[in-house]
Amino acid sequence: MSDTPPQSGNHEVAAAINRLRRLIHAGFIVFSAATGVALDRGNPQGGVAFLVVAFLFLAWAGIGGLANVVRDEMKAARERG
């Protein structure tokens, strides 16, 4: 059994924030796809450019999320000893 105290309410807050971030990202994906298709019908360059920006945002969000997970795991490992 570990001597570490149980997780505080901060863990639950962080989980709620992460769920909210995922929801915002999903909304951005849908918005980007819909806008990209709409722009593509009238202006192919505009539609493609918007989808590229959406892809870059998703890549940034994914890398940021992965970095947070790695940071949290490293912190937990240090605390365990």
PDB file of N, CA and C in Angstrom:
ATOM      1  N   MET A   1       0.835  -1.174   0.000  1.00  0.00           N
ATOM      2  CA  MET A   1       0.000   0.000   0.000  1.00  0.00           C
ATOM      3  C   MET A   1       0.883   1.243   0.000  1.00  0.00           C
ATOM      4  N   SER A   2       0.464   2.249  -0.678  1.00  0.00           N
ATOM      5  CA  SER A   2       1.253   3.465  -0.828  1.00  0.00           C
ATOM      6  C   SER A   2       0.993   4.428   0.323  1.00  0.00           C
ATOM      7  N   ASP A   3       2.023   5.204   0.651  1.00  0.00           N
ATOM      8  CA  ASP A   3       1.884   6.216   1.700  1.00  0.00           C
ATOM      9  C   ASP A   3       1.369   7.544   1.156  1.00  0.00           C
ATOM     10  N   THR A   4       1.168   7.626  -0.137  1.00  0.00           N
ATOM     11  CA  THR A   4       0.724   8.894  -0.722  1.00  0.00           C
ATOM     12  C   THR A   4      -0.740   9.130  -0.394  1.00  0.00           C
ATOM     13  N   PRO A   5      -1.105  10.390  -0.162  1.00  0.00           N
ATOM     14  CA  PRO A   5      -2.507  10.687   0.145  1.00  0.00           C
ATOM     15  C   PRO A   5      -3.383  10.489  -1.085  1.00  0.00           C
ATOM     16  N   PRO A   6      -4.673  10.299  -0.887  1.00  0.00           N
ATOM     17  CA  PRO A   6      -5.557  10.148  -2.038  1.00  0.00           C
ATOM     18  C   PRO A   6      -5.590  11.421  -2.870  1.00  0.00           C
ATOM     19  N   GLN A   7      -5.983  11.280  -4.122  1.00  0.00           N
ATOM     20  CA  GLN A   7      -6.045  12.429  -5.022  1.00  0.00           C
ATOM     21  C   GLN A   7      -7.023  13.458  -4.484  1.00  0.00           C
ATOM     22  N   SER A   8      -6.654  14.709  -4.620  1.00  0.00           N
ATOM     23  CA  SER A   8      -7.540  15.781  -4.165  1.00  0.00           C
ATOM     24  C   SER A   8      -8.572  16.088  -5.243  1.00  0.00           C
ATOM     25  N   GLY A   9      -9.401  17.070  -4.984  1.00  0.00           N
ATOM     26  CA  GLY A   9     -10.411  17.488  -5.949  1.00  0.00           C
ATOM     27  C   GLY A   9      -9.803  18.070  -7.209  1.00  0.00           C
ATOM     28  N   ASN A  10      -8.525  18.447  -7.162  1.00  0.00           N
ATOM     29  CA  ASN A  10      -7.874  19.017  -8.339  1.00  0.00           C
ATOM     30  C   ASN A  10      -7.850  18.021  -9.490  1.00  0.00           C
ATOM     31  N   HIS A  11      -7.744  16.748  -9.162  1.00  0.00           N
ATOM     32  CA  HIS A  11      -7.730  15.723 -10.204  1.00  0.00           C
ATOM     33  C   HIS A  11      -9.059  15.711 -10.956  1.00  0.00           C
ATOM     34  N   GLU A  12     -10.139  15.848 -10.222  1.00  0.00           N
ATOM     35  CA  GLU A  12     -11.460  15.867 -10.852  1.00  0.00           C
ATOM     36  C   GLU A  12     -11.647  17.119 -11.695  1.00  0.00           C
ATOM     37  N   VAL A  13     -11.131  18.239 -11.220  1.00  0.00           N
ATOM     38  CA  VAL A  13     -11.217  19.488 -11.985  1.00  0.00           C
ATOM     39  C   VAL A  13     -10.424  19.359 -13.276  1.00  0.00           C
ATOM     40  N   ALA A  14      -9.232  18.782 -13.183  1.00  0.00           N
ATOM     41  CA  ALA A  14      -8.411  18.603 -14.376  1.00  0.00           C
ATOM     42  C   ALA A  14      -9.101  17.687 -15.377  1.00  0.00           C
ATOM     43  N   ALA A  15      -9.751  16.638 -14.893  1.00  0.00           N
ATOM     44  CA  ALA A  15     -10.470  15.732 -15.792  1.00  0.00           C
ATOM     45  C   ALA A  15     -11.625  16.458 -16.474  1.00  0.00           C
ATOM     46  N   ALA A  16     -12.326  17.303 -15.736  1.00  0.00           N
ATOM     47  CA  ALA A  16     -13.433  18.063 -16.329  1.00  0.00           C
ATOM     48  C   ALA A  16     -12.920  19.042 -17.376  1.00  0.00           C
ATOM     49  N   ILE A  17     -11.795  19.675 -17.099  1.00  0.00           N
ATOM     50  CA  ILE A  17     -11.208  20.605 -18.067  1.00  0.00           C
ATOM     51  C   ILE A  17     -10.786  19.858 -19.322  1.00  0.00           C
ATOM     52  N   ASN A  18     -10.211  18.677 -19.156  1.00  0.00           N
ATOM     53  CA  ASN A  18      -9.805  17.889 -20.323  1.00  0.00           C
ATOM     54  C   ASN A  18     -11.004  17.468 -21.155  1.00  0.00           C
ATOM     55  N   ARG A  19     -12.108  17.104 -20.499  1.00  0.00           N
ATOM     56  CA  ARG A  19     -13.321  16.765 -21.249  1.00  0.00           C
ATOM     57  C   ARG A  19     -13.830  17.973 -22.021  1.00  0.00           C
ATOM     58  N   LEU A  20     -13.781  19.137 -21.400  1.00  0.00           N
ATOM     59  CA  LEU A  20     -14.219  20.361 -22.075  1.00  0.00           C
ATOM     60  C   LEU A  20     -13.325  20.666 -23.268  1.00  0.00           C
ATOM     61  N   ARG A  21     -12.024  20.491 -23.106  1.00  0.00           N
ATOM     62  CA  ARG A  21     -11.102  20.728 -24.221  1.00  0.00           C
ATOM     63  C   ARG A  21     -11.403  19.785 -25.377  1.00  0.00           C
ATOM     64  N   ARG A  22     -11.666  18.508 -25.065  1.00  0.00           N
ATOM     65  CA  ARG A  22     -11.993  17.557 -26.130  1.00  0.00           C
ATOM     66  C   ARG A  22     -13.273  17.951 -26.849  1.00  0.00           C
ATOM     67  N   LEU A  23     -14.247  18.426 -26.096  1.00  0.00           N
ATOM     68  CA  LEU A  23     -15.504  18.865 -26.698  1.00  0.00           C
ATOM     69  C   LEU A  23     -15.275  20.065 -27.614  1.00  0.00           C
ATOM     70  N   ILE A  24     -14.465  21.012 -27.171  1.00  0.00           N
ATOM     71  CA  ILE A  24     -14.153  22.176 -28.002  1.00  0.00           C
ATOM     72  C   ILE A  24     -13.415  21.737 -29.259  1.00  0.00           C
ATOM     73  N   HIS A  25     -12.469  20.827 -29.119  1.00  0.00           N
ATOM     74  CA  HIS A  25     -11.725  20.345 -30.286  1.00  0.00           C
ATOM     75  C   HIS A  25     -12.655  19.640 -31.268  1.00  0.00           C
ATOM     76  N   ALA A  26     -13.568  18.828 -30.753  1.00  0.00           N
ATOM     77  CA  ALA A  26     -14.520  18.141 -31.637  1.00  0.00           C
ATOM     78  C   ALA A  26     -15.394  19.156 -32.362  1.00  0.00           C
ATOM     79  N   GLY A  27     -15.842  20.185 -31.659  1.00  0.00           N
ATOM     80  CA  GLY A  27     -16.629  21.233 -32.303  1.00  0.00           C
ATOM     81  C   GLY A  27     -15.836  21.947 -33.372  1.00  0.00           C
ATOM     82  N   PHE A  28     -14.564  22.174 -33.103  1.00  0.00           N
ATOM     83  CA  PHE A  28     -13.713  22.833 -34.095  1.00  0.00           C
ATOM     84  C   PHE A  28     -13.540  21.957 -35.329  1.00  0.00           C
ATOM     85  N   ILE A  29     -13.426  20.649 -35.130  1.00  0.00           N
ATOM     86  CA  ILE A  29     -13.302  19.733 -36.270  1.00  0.00           C
ATOM     87  C   ILE A  29     -14.540  19.818 -37.151  1.00  0.00           C
ATOM     88  N   VAL A  30     -15.705  19.735 -36.537  1.00  0.00           N
ATOM     89  CA  VAL A  30     -16.949  19.781 -37.307  1.00  0.00           C
ATOM     90  C   VAL A  30     -17.079  21.123 -38.011  1.00  0.00           C
ATOM     91  N   PHE A  31     -16.811  22.209 -37.301  1.00  0.00           N
ATOM     92  CA  PHE A  31     -16.891  23.542 -37.896  1.00  0.00           C
ATOM     93  C   PHE A  31     -15.912  23.669 -39.053  1.00  0.00           C
ATOM     94  N   SER A  32     -14.688  23.177 -38.853  1.00  0.00           N
ATOM     95  CA  SER A  32     -13.673  23.266 -39.900  1.00  0.00           C
ATOM     96  C   SER A  32     -14.078  22.492 -41.140  1.00  0.00           C
ATOM     97  N   ALA A  33     -14.576  21.292 -40.929  1.00  0.00           N
ATOM     98  CA  ALA A  33     -14.981  20.474 -42.076  1.00  0.00           C
ATOM     99  C   ALA A  33     -16.132  21.129 -42.825  1.00  0.00           C
ATOM    100  N   ALA A  34     -17.133  21.602 -42.097  1.00  0.00           N
ATOM    101  CA  ALA A  34     -18.286  22.225 -42.751  1.00  0.00           C
ATOM    102  C   ALA A  34     -17.883  23.496 -43.483  1.00  0.00           C
ATOM    103  N   THR A  35     -17.070  24.315 -42.847  1.00  0.00           N
ATOM    104  CA  THR A  35     -16.635  25.554 -43.485  1.00  0.00           C
ATOM    105  C   THR A  35     -15.711  25.262 -44.653  1.00  0.00           C
ATOM    106  N   GLY A  36     -14.840  24.271 -44.482  1.00  0.00           N
ATOM    107  CA  GLY A  36     -13.942  23.909 -45.575  1.00  0.00           C
ATOM    108  C   GLY A  36     -14.691  23.439 -46.797  1.00  0.00           C
ATOM    109  N   VAL A  37     -15.713  22.632 -46.602  1.00  0.00           N
ATOM    110  CA  VAL A  37     -16.522  22.163 -47.735  1.00  0.00           C
ATOM    111  C   VAL A  37     -17.243  23.335 -48.379  1.00  0.00           C
ATOM    112  N   ALA A  38     -17.798  24.226 -47.551  1.00  0.00           N
ATOM    113  CA  ALA A  38     -18.518  25.379 -48.094  1.00  0.00           C
ATOM    114  C   ALA A  38     -17.579  26.283 -48.888  1.00  0.00           C
ATOM    115  N   LEU A  39     -16.397  26.514 -48.363  1.00  0.00           N
ATOM    116  CA  LEU A  39     -15.436  27.349 -49.077  1.00  0.00           C
ATOM    117  C   LEU A  39     -14.939  26.662 -50.337  1.00  0.00           C
ATOM    118  N   ASP A  40     -14.806  25.351 -50.264  1.00  0.00           N
ATOM    119  CA  ASP A  40     -14.292  24.604 -51.405  1.00  0.00           C
ATOM    120  C   ASP A  40     -15.231  24.694 -52.596  1.00  0.00           C
ATOM    121  N   ARG A  41     -16.504  24.801 -52.344  1.00  0.00           N
ATOM    122  CA  ARG A  41     -17.467  24.893 -53.440  1.00  0.00           C
ATOM    123  C   ARG A  41     -17.300  26.195 -54.213  1.00  0.00           C
ATOM    124  N   GLY A  42     -16.984  27.278 -53.514  1.00  0.00           N
ATOM    125  CA  GLY A  42     -16.857  28.566 -54.182  1.00  0.00           C
ATOM    126  C   GLY A  42     -15.425  28.958 -54.460  1.00  0.00           C
ATOM    127  N   ASN A  43     -14.511  28.505 -53.621  1.00  0.00           N
ATOM    128  CA  ASN A  43     -13.115  28.908 -53.743  1.00  0.00           C
ATOM    129  C   ASN A  43     -12.236  27.755 -53.265  1.00  0.00           C
ATOM    130  N   PRO A  44     -11.738  26.964 -54.179  1.00  0.00           N
ATOM    131  CA  PRO A  44     -10.957  25.782 -53.778  1.00  0.00           C
ATOM    132  C   PRO A  44      -9.755  26.118 -52.899  1.00  0.00           C
ATOM    133  N   GLN A  45      -9.079  27.204 -53.191  1.00  0.00           N
ATOM    134  CA  GLN A  45      -7.898  27.542 -52.392  1.00  0.00           C
ATOM    135  C   GLN A  45      -8.291  27.904 -50.962  1.00  0.00           C
ATOM    136  N   GLY A  46      -9.399  28.600 -50.800  1.00  0.00           N
ATOM    137  CA  GLY A  46      -9.855  28.964 -49.459  1.00  0.00           C
ATOM    138  C   GLY A  46     -10.242  27.746 -48.643  1.00  0.00           C
ATOM    139  N   GLY A  47     -10.940  26.798 -49.270  1.00  0.00           N
ATOM    140  CA  GLY A  47     -11.351  25.591 -48.561  1.00  0.00           C
ATOM    141  C   GLY A  47     -10.175  24.752 -48.130  1.00  0.00           C
ATOM    142  N   VAL A  48      -9.218  24.579 -49.019  1.00  0.00           N
ATOM    143  CA  VAL A  48      -8.040  23.782 -48.695  1.00  0.00           C
ATOM    144  C   VAL A  48      -7.227  24.468 -47.603  1.00  0.00           C
ATOM    145  N   ALA A  49      -7.080  25.779 -47.700  1.00  0.00           N
ATOM    146  CA  ALA A  49      -6.314  26.509 -46.687  1.00  0.00           C
ATOM    147  C   ALA A  49      -6.969  26.376 -45.316  1.00  0.00           C
ATOM    148  N   PHE A  50      -8.285  26.451 -45.270  1.00  0.00           N
ATOM    149  CA  PHE A  50      -8.970  26.344 -43.980  1.00  0.00           C
ATOM    150  C   PHE A  50      -8.792  24.951 -43.396  1.00  0.00           C
ATOM    151  N   LEU A  51      -8.860  23.921 -44.230  1.00  0.00           N
ATOM    152  CA  LEU A  51      -8.670  22.561 -43.737  1.00  0.00           C
ATOM    153  C   LEU A  51      -7.236  22.336 -43.259  1.00  0.00           C
ATOM    154  N   VAL A  52      -6.269  22.968 -43.916  1.00  0.00           N
ATOM    155  CA  VAL A  52      -4.880  22.860 -43.468  1.00  0.00           C
ATOM    156  C   VAL A  52      -4.728  23.490 -42.086  1.00  0.00           C
ATOM    157  N   VAL A  53      -5.346  24.652 -41.892  1.00  0.00           N
ATOM    158  CA  VAL A  53      -5.291  25.303 -40.580  1.00  0.00           C
ATOM    159  C   VAL A  53      -5.946  24.415 -39.523  1.00  0.00           C
ATOM    160  N   ALA A  54      -7.073  23.805 -39.871  1.00  0.00           N
ATOM    161  CA  ALA A  54      -7.753  22.910 -38.929  1.00  0.00           C
ATOM    162  C   ALA A  54      -6.851  21.726 -38.571  1.00  0.00           C
ATOM    163  N   PHE A  55      -6.180  21.155 -39.571  1.00  0.00           N
ATOM    164  CA  PHE A  55      -5.278  20.034 -39.315  1.00  0.00           C
ATOM    165  C   PHE A  55      -4.127  20.457 -38.404  1.00  0.00           C
ATOM    166  N   LEU A  56      -3.559  21.634 -38.654  1.00  0.00           N
ATOM    167  CA  LEU A  56      -2.466  22.116 -37.813  1.00  0.00           C
ATOM    168  C   LEU A  56      -2.928  22.333 -36.375  1.00  0.00           C
ATOM    169  N   PHE A  57      -4.143  22.847 -36.209  1.00  0.00           N
ATOM    170  CA  PHE A  57      -4.684  23.037 -34.864  1.00  0.00           C
ATOM    171  C   PHE A  57      -4.833  21.694 -34.161  1.00  0.00           C
ATOM    172  N   LEU A  58      -5.345  20.698 -34.874  1.00  0.00           N
ATOM    173  CA  LEU A  58      -5.521  19.380 -34.269  1.00  0.00           C
ATOM    174  C   LEU A  58      -4.178  18.758 -33.906  1.00  0.00           C
ATOM    175  N   ALA A  59      -3.178  18.948 -34.762  1.00  0.00           N
ATOM    176  CA  ALA A  59      -1.850  18.427 -34.457  1.00  0.00           C
ATOM    177  C   ALA A  59      -1.298  19.103 -33.204  1.00  0.00           C
ATOM    178  N   TRP A  60      -1.470  20.416 -33.117  1.00  0.00           N
ATOM    179  CA  TRP A  60      -1.010  21.154 -31.940  1.00  0.00           C
ATOM    180  C   TRP A  60      -1.726  20.664 -30.684  1.00  0.00           C
ATOM    181  N   ALA A  61      -3.035  20.490 -30.777  1.00  0.00           N
ATOM    182  CA  ALA A  61      -3.816  20.033 -29.621  1.00  0.00           C
ATOM    183  C   ALA A  61      -3.395  18.626 -29.211  1.00  0.00           C
ATOM    184  N   GLY A  62      -3.163  17.754 -30.185  1.00  0.00           N
ATOM    185  CA  GLY A  62      -2.748  16.387 -29.885  1.00  0.00           C
ATOM    186  C   GLY A  62      -1.384  16.329 -29.233  1.00  0.00           C
ATOM    187  N   ILE A  63      -0.447  17.114 -29.751  1.00  0.00           N
ATOM    188  CA  ILE A  63       0.895  17.140 -29.170  1.00  0.00           C
ATOM    189  C   ILE A  63       0.842  17.723 -27.766  1.00  0.00           C
ATOM    190  N   GLY A  64       0.043  18.775 -27.588  1.00  0.00           N
ATOM    191  CA  GLY A  64      -0.096  19.367 -26.255  1.00  0.00           C
ATOM    192  C   GLY A  64      -0.704  18.388 -25.269  1.00  0.00           C
ATOM    193  N   GLY A  65      -1.718  17.652 -25.703  1.00  0.00           N
ATOM    194  CA  GLY A  65      -2.342  16.652 -24.835  1.00  0.00           C
ATOM    195  C   GLY A  65      -1.383  15.537 -24.481  1.00  0.00           C
ATOM    196  N   LEU A  66      -0.618  15.084 -25.464  1.00  0.00           N
ATOM    197  CA  LEU A  66       0.362  14.035 -25.216  1.00  0.00           C
ATOM    198  C   LEU A  66       1.440  14.523 -24.256  1.00  0.00           C
ATOM    199  N   ALA A  67       1.881  15.754 -24.433  1.00  0.00           N
ATOM    200  CA  ALA A  67       2.890  16.315 -23.532  1.00  0.00           C
ATOM    201  C   ALA A  67       2.357  16.391 -22.105  1.00  0.00           C
ATOM    202  N   ASN A  68       1.092  16.739 -21.947  1.00  0.00           N
ATOM    203  CA  ASN A  68       0.494  16.791 -20.605  1.00  0.00           C
ATOM    204  C   ASN A  68       0.467  15.415 -19.965  1.00  0.00           C
ATOM    205  N   VAL A  69       0.121  14.401 -20.734  1.00  0.00           N
ATOM    206  CA  VAL A  69       0.079  13.039 -20.201  1.00  0.00           C
ATOM    207  C   VAL A  69       1.471  12.595 -19.771  1.00  0.00           C
ATOM    208  N   VAL A  70       2.461  12.843 -20.610  1.00  0.00           N
ATOM    209  CA  VAL A  70       3.832  12.451 -20.282  1.00  0.00           C
ATOM    210  C   VAL A  70       4.308  13.187 -19.034  1.00  0.00           C
ATOM    211  N   ARG A  71       4.030  14.483 -18.959  1.00  0.00           N
ATOM    212  CA  ARG A  71       4.436  15.272 -17.791  1.00  0.00           C
ATOM    213  C   ARG A  71       3.792  14.733 -16.518  1.00  0.00           C
ATOM    214  N   ASP A  72       2.503  14.440 -16.585  1.00  0.00           N
ATOM    215  CA  ASP A  72       1.801  13.920 -15.408  1.00  0.00           C
ATOM    216  C   ASP A  72       2.342  12.566 -14.981  1.00  0.00           C
ATOM    217  N   GLU A  73       2.645  11.710 -15.955  1.00  0.00           N
ATOM    218  CA  GLU A  73       3.188  10.389 -15.624  1.00  0.00           C
ATOM    219  C   GLU A  73       4.578  10.500 -15.009  1.00  0.00           C
ATOM    220  N   MET A  74       5.395  11.403 -15.532  1.00  0.00           N
ATOM    221  CA  MET A  74       6.732  11.583 -14.966  1.00  0.00           C
ATOM    222  C   MET A  74       6.643  12.137 -13.547  1.00  0.00           C
ATOM    223  N   LYS A  75       5.728  13.058 -13.320  1.00  0.00           N
ATOM    224  CA  LYS A  75       5.538  13.617 -11.978  1.00  0.00           C
ATOM    225  C   LYS A  75       5.082  12.529 -11.010  1.00  0.00           C
ATOM    226  N   ALA A  76       4.142  11.689 -11.447  1.00  0.00           N
ATOM    227  CA  ALA A  76       3.655  10.602 -10.595  1.00  0.00           C
ATOM    228  C   ALA A  76       4.773   9.610 -10.289  1.00  0.00           C
ATOM    229  N   ALA A  77       5.613   9.329 -11.273  1.00  0.00           N
ATOM    230  CA  ALA A  77       6.721   8.396 -11.056  1.00  0.00           C
ATOM    231  C   ALA A  77       7.722   8.962 -10.049  1.00  0.00           C
ATOM    232  N   ARG A  78       7.993  10.261 -10.130  1.00  0.00           N
ATOM    233  CA  ARG A  78       8.912  10.882  -9.161  1.00  0.00           C
ATOM    234  C   ARG A  78       8.337  10.825  -7.751  1.00  0.00           C
ATOM    235  N   GLU A  79       7.025  11.054  -7.647  1.00  0.00           N
ATOM    236  CA  GLU A  79       6.396  11.035  -6.328  1.00  0.00           C
ATOM    237  C   GLU A  79       6.393   9.629  -5.724  1.00  0.00           C
ATOM    238  N   ARG A  80       6.294   8.614  -6.583  1.00  0.00           N
ATOM    239  CA  ARG A  80       6.311   7.234  -6.087  1.00  0.00           C
ATOM    240  C   ARG A  80       7.704   6.823  -5.646  1.00  0.00           C
ATOM    241  N   GLY A  81       8.698   7.513  -6.172  1.00  0.00           N
ATOM    242  CA  GLY A  81      10.059   7.207  -5.754  1.00  0.00           C
ATOM    243  C   GLY A  81      10.733   6.426  -6.776  1.00  0.00           C
TER     244      GLY A  81
END
